[in-house]
Amino acid sequence: IHTPLTSETKYLLNQTAFNLMKPNAIVLNTARGGIIEENHLFEALTQNKIKAAAIDVYEEEPPTLF
């Protein structure tokens, strides 16, 4: 994902989006925190709905532990 954070892109990747992805999908976010709903990303990863994620930015900087 590489898009600006706007009202249209806030939480662009959410539970609905993760449910549509193939199990071998890898999410890469180098744009802005807030584009991915982080709790839904965590669920998608722990429930093996997606394969992996590489995150360079977080909604809260510095990130807190879950």
N, C-alpha and C. Protein backbone atom coordinates (compact mmCIF):
# COMPACT_ATOMS: atom_id res chain seq x y z
N ILE A 1 0.86 -1.17 0.00
CA ILE A 1 0.00 0.00 0.00
C ILE A 1 0.90 1.23 0.00
N HIS A 2 0.63 2.12 -0.89
CA HIS A 2 1.30 3.42 -0.85
C HIS A 2 0.29 4.46 -1.34
N THR A 3 -0.38 5.06 -0.38
CA THR A 3 -1.42 6.05 -0.66
C THR A 3 -1.43 7.06 0.46
N PRO A 4 -1.85 8.28 0.21
CA PRO A 4 -1.95 9.24 1.30
C PRO A 4 -3.08 8.86 2.25
N LEU A 5 -2.98 9.30 3.49
CA LEU A 5 -4.05 9.07 4.46
C LEU A 5 -5.06 10.19 4.31
N THR A 6 -6.25 9.82 3.87
CA THR A 6 -7.36 10.77 3.72
C THR A 6 -8.59 10.15 4.36
N SER A 7 -9.67 10.87 4.36
CA SER A 7 -10.91 10.30 4.90
C SER A 7 -11.36 9.09 4.08
N GLU A 8 -11.01 9.05 2.80
CA GLU A 8 -11.39 7.91 1.96
C GLU A 8 -10.48 6.69 2.18
N THR A 9 -9.24 6.92 2.58
CA THR A 9 -8.30 5.79 2.74
C THR A 9 -8.12 5.36 4.18
N LYS A 10 -8.69 6.09 5.14
CA LYS A 10 -8.59 5.69 6.55
C LYS A 10 -9.20 4.30 6.69
N TYR A 11 -8.42 3.37 7.26
CA TYR A 11 -8.84 1.97 7.45
C TYR A 11 -9.26 1.32 6.14
N LEU A 12 -8.56 1.65 5.07
CA LEU A 12 -8.80 1.04 3.77
C LEU A 12 -8.70 -0.48 3.86
N LEU A 13 -7.70 -0.95 4.60
CA LEU A 13 -7.56 -2.39 4.84
C LEU A 13 -8.15 -2.69 6.21
N ASN A 14 -9.31 -3.29 6.19
CA ASN A 14 -10.04 -3.62 7.40
C ASN A 14 -10.46 -5.09 7.33
N GLN A 15 -11.30 -5.50 8.24
CA GLN A 15 -11.70 -6.91 8.29
C GLN A 15 -12.31 -7.37 6.97
N THR A 16 -13.14 -6.55 6.36
CA THR A 16 -13.75 -6.92 5.08
C THR A 16 -12.68 -7.15 4.02
N ALA A 17 -11.71 -6.24 3.94
CA ALA A 17 -10.64 -6.37 2.95
C ALA A 17 -9.80 -7.62 3.21
N PHE A 18 -9.47 -7.88 4.46
CA PHE A 18 -8.66 -9.06 4.77
C PHE A 18 -9.42 -10.35 4.46
N ASN A 19 -10.72 -10.35 4.67
CA ASN A 19 -11.52 -11.54 4.36
C ASN A 19 -11.57 -11.82 2.86
N LEU A 20 -11.36 -10.82 2.03
CA LEU A 20 -11.38 -10.99 0.58
C LEU A 20 -10.03 -11.45 0.03
N MET A 21 -8.99 -11.36 0.83
CA MET A 21 -7.64 -11.70 0.36
C MET A 21 -7.41 -13.20 0.36
N LYS A 22 -6.50 -13.63 -0.50
CA LYS A 22 -6.10 -15.03 -0.52
C LYS A 22 -5.20 -15.32 0.68
N PRO A 23 -5.18 -16.56 1.15
CA PRO A 23 -4.37 -16.90 2.32
C PRO A 23 -2.87 -16.69 2.12
N ASN A 24 -2.41 -16.57 0.89
CA ASN A 24 -0.98 -16.35 0.66
C ASN A 24 -0.66 -14.86 0.43
N ALA A 25 -1.62 -13.98 0.71
CA ALA A 25 -1.42 -12.53 0.54
C ALA A 25 -0.41 -12.02 1.56
N ILE A 26 0.40 -11.06 1.12
CA ILE A 26 1.35 -10.37 1.99
C ILE A 26 1.03 -8.89 1.91
N VAL A 27 0.77 -8.28 3.05
CA VAL A 27 0.44 -6.86 3.13
C VAL A 27 1.71 -6.08 3.44
N LEU A 28 1.96 -5.03 2.65
CA LEU A 28 3.12 -4.17 2.85
C LEU A 28 2.63 -2.73 2.89
N ASN A 29 2.86 -2.05 4.00
CA ASN A 29 2.44 -0.66 4.14
C ASN A 29 3.65 0.22 4.42
N THR A 30 3.98 1.07 3.45
CA THR A 30 5.06 2.04 3.62
C THR A 30 4.53 3.46 3.52
N ALA A 31 3.23 3.63 3.56
CA ALA A 31 2.63 4.94 3.32
C ALA A 31 2.37 5.67 4.64
N ARG A 32 1.23 5.45 5.23
CA ARG A 32 0.82 6.15 6.44
C ARG A 32 0.12 5.18 7.39
N GLY A 33 0.34 5.41 8.67
CA GLY A 33 -0.43 4.68 9.66
C GLY A 33 -1.88 5.13 9.56
N GLY A 34 -2.79 4.26 9.86
CA GLY A 34 -4.21 4.59 9.76
C GLY A 34 -4.86 4.06 8.50
N ILE A 35 -4.04 3.66 7.53
CA ILE A 35 -4.60 3.05 6.33
C ILE A 35 -5.05 1.62 6.63
N ILE A 36 -4.33 0.98 7.54
CA ILE A 36 -4.67 -0.38 7.95
C ILE A 36 -5.26 -0.34 9.35
N GLU A 37 -6.38 -1.00 9.54
CA GLU A 37 -6.94 -1.15 10.87
C GLU A 37 -6.13 -2.23 11.57
N GLU A 38 -5.24 -1.82 12.45
CA GLU A 38 -4.21 -2.70 13.00
C GLU A 38 -4.77 -3.90 13.77
N ASN A 39 -5.87 -3.72 14.49
CA ASN A 39 -6.46 -4.86 15.21
C ASN A 39 -6.96 -5.92 14.23
N HIS A 40 -7.50 -5.49 13.11
CA HIS A 40 -7.98 -6.43 12.09
C HIS A 40 -6.80 -7.10 11.39
N LEU A 41 -5.70 -6.38 11.22
CA LEU A 41 -4.49 -6.99 10.66
C LEU A 41 -3.99 -8.09 11.59
N PHE A 42 -3.94 -7.81 12.87
CA PHE A 42 -3.50 -8.80 13.85
C PHE A 42 -4.38 -10.05 13.79
N GLU A 43 -5.68 -9.86 13.73
CA GLU A 43 -6.61 -11.00 13.63
C GLU A 43 -6.37 -11.79 12.35
N ALA A 44 -6.21 -11.09 11.24
CA ALA A 44 -5.99 -11.77 9.96
C ALA A 44 -4.72 -12.60 10.00
N LEU A 45 -3.68 -12.08 10.63
CA LEU A 45 -2.42 -12.82 10.73
C LEU A 45 -2.55 -14.02 11.67
N THR A 46 -3.13 -13.82 12.83
CA THR A 46 -3.22 -14.91 13.81
C THR A 46 -4.22 -15.99 13.41
N GLN A 47 -5.17 -15.63 12.55
CA GLN A 47 -6.15 -16.62 12.07
C GLN A 47 -5.78 -17.17 10.70
N ASN A 48 -4.56 -16.88 10.26
CA ASN A 48 -4.03 -17.37 8.98
C ASN A 48 -4.90 -17.00 7.78
N LYS A 49 -5.54 -15.83 7.85
CA LYS A 49 -6.31 -15.35 6.71
C LYS A 49 -5.38 -14.75 5.66
N ILE A 50 -4.23 -14.23 6.11
CA ILE A 50 -3.18 -13.75 5.21
C ILE A 50 -1.86 -14.34 5.68
N LYS A 51 -0.88 -14.34 4.79
CA LYS A 51 0.39 -15.00 5.09
C LYS A 51 1.32 -14.16 5.95
N ALA A 52 1.44 -12.86 5.63
CA ALA A 52 2.42 -12.03 6.34
C ALA A 52 2.09 -10.56 6.16
N ALA A 53 2.79 -9.73 6.95
CA ALA A 53 2.67 -8.28 6.81
C ALA A 53 4.01 -7.64 7.13
N ALA A 54 4.32 -6.60 6.40
CA ALA A 54 5.50 -5.78 6.65
C ALA A 54 4.99 -4.35 6.81
N ILE A 55 5.20 -3.81 7.99
CA ILE A 55 4.64 -2.50 8.32
C ILE A 55 5.78 -1.56 8.70
N ASP A 56 5.87 -0.45 7.98
CA ASP A 56 6.90 0.56 8.25
C ASP A 56 6.32 1.75 9.01
N VAL A 57 5.01 1.84 9.06
CA VAL A 57 4.32 2.95 9.71
C VAL A 57 3.15 2.42 10.54
N TYR A 58 2.83 3.14 11.59
CA TYR A 58 1.74 2.74 12.48
C TYR A 58 0.84 3.93 12.74
N GLU A 59 -0.38 3.63 13.15
CA GLU A 59 -1.32 4.72 13.46
C GLU A 59 -0.80 5.52 14.64
N GLU A 60 -0.23 4.85 15.61
CA GLU A 60 0.37 5.51 16.77
C GLU A 60 1.88 5.33 16.70
N GLU A 61 2.62 6.41 16.67
CA GLU A 61 4.08 6.36 16.59
C GLU A 61 4.67 6.91 17.88
N PRO A 62 5.57 6.21 18.55
CA PRO A 62 5.98 4.85 18.26
C PRO A 62 4.87 3.88 18.64
N PRO A 63 4.84 2.70 18.00
CA PRO A 63 3.77 1.74 18.26
C PRO A 63 3.81 1.20 19.69
N THR A 64 2.63 0.86 20.20
CA THR A 64 2.55 0.20 21.50
C THR A 64 2.37 -1.29 21.26
N LEU A 65 2.70 -2.07 22.24
CA LEU A 65 2.52 -3.53 22.12
C LEU A 65 1.06 -3.87 22.28
N PHE A 66 0.63 -4.94 21.59
CA PHE A 66 -0.76 -5.40 21.69
C PHE A 66 -1.00 -6.01 23.03
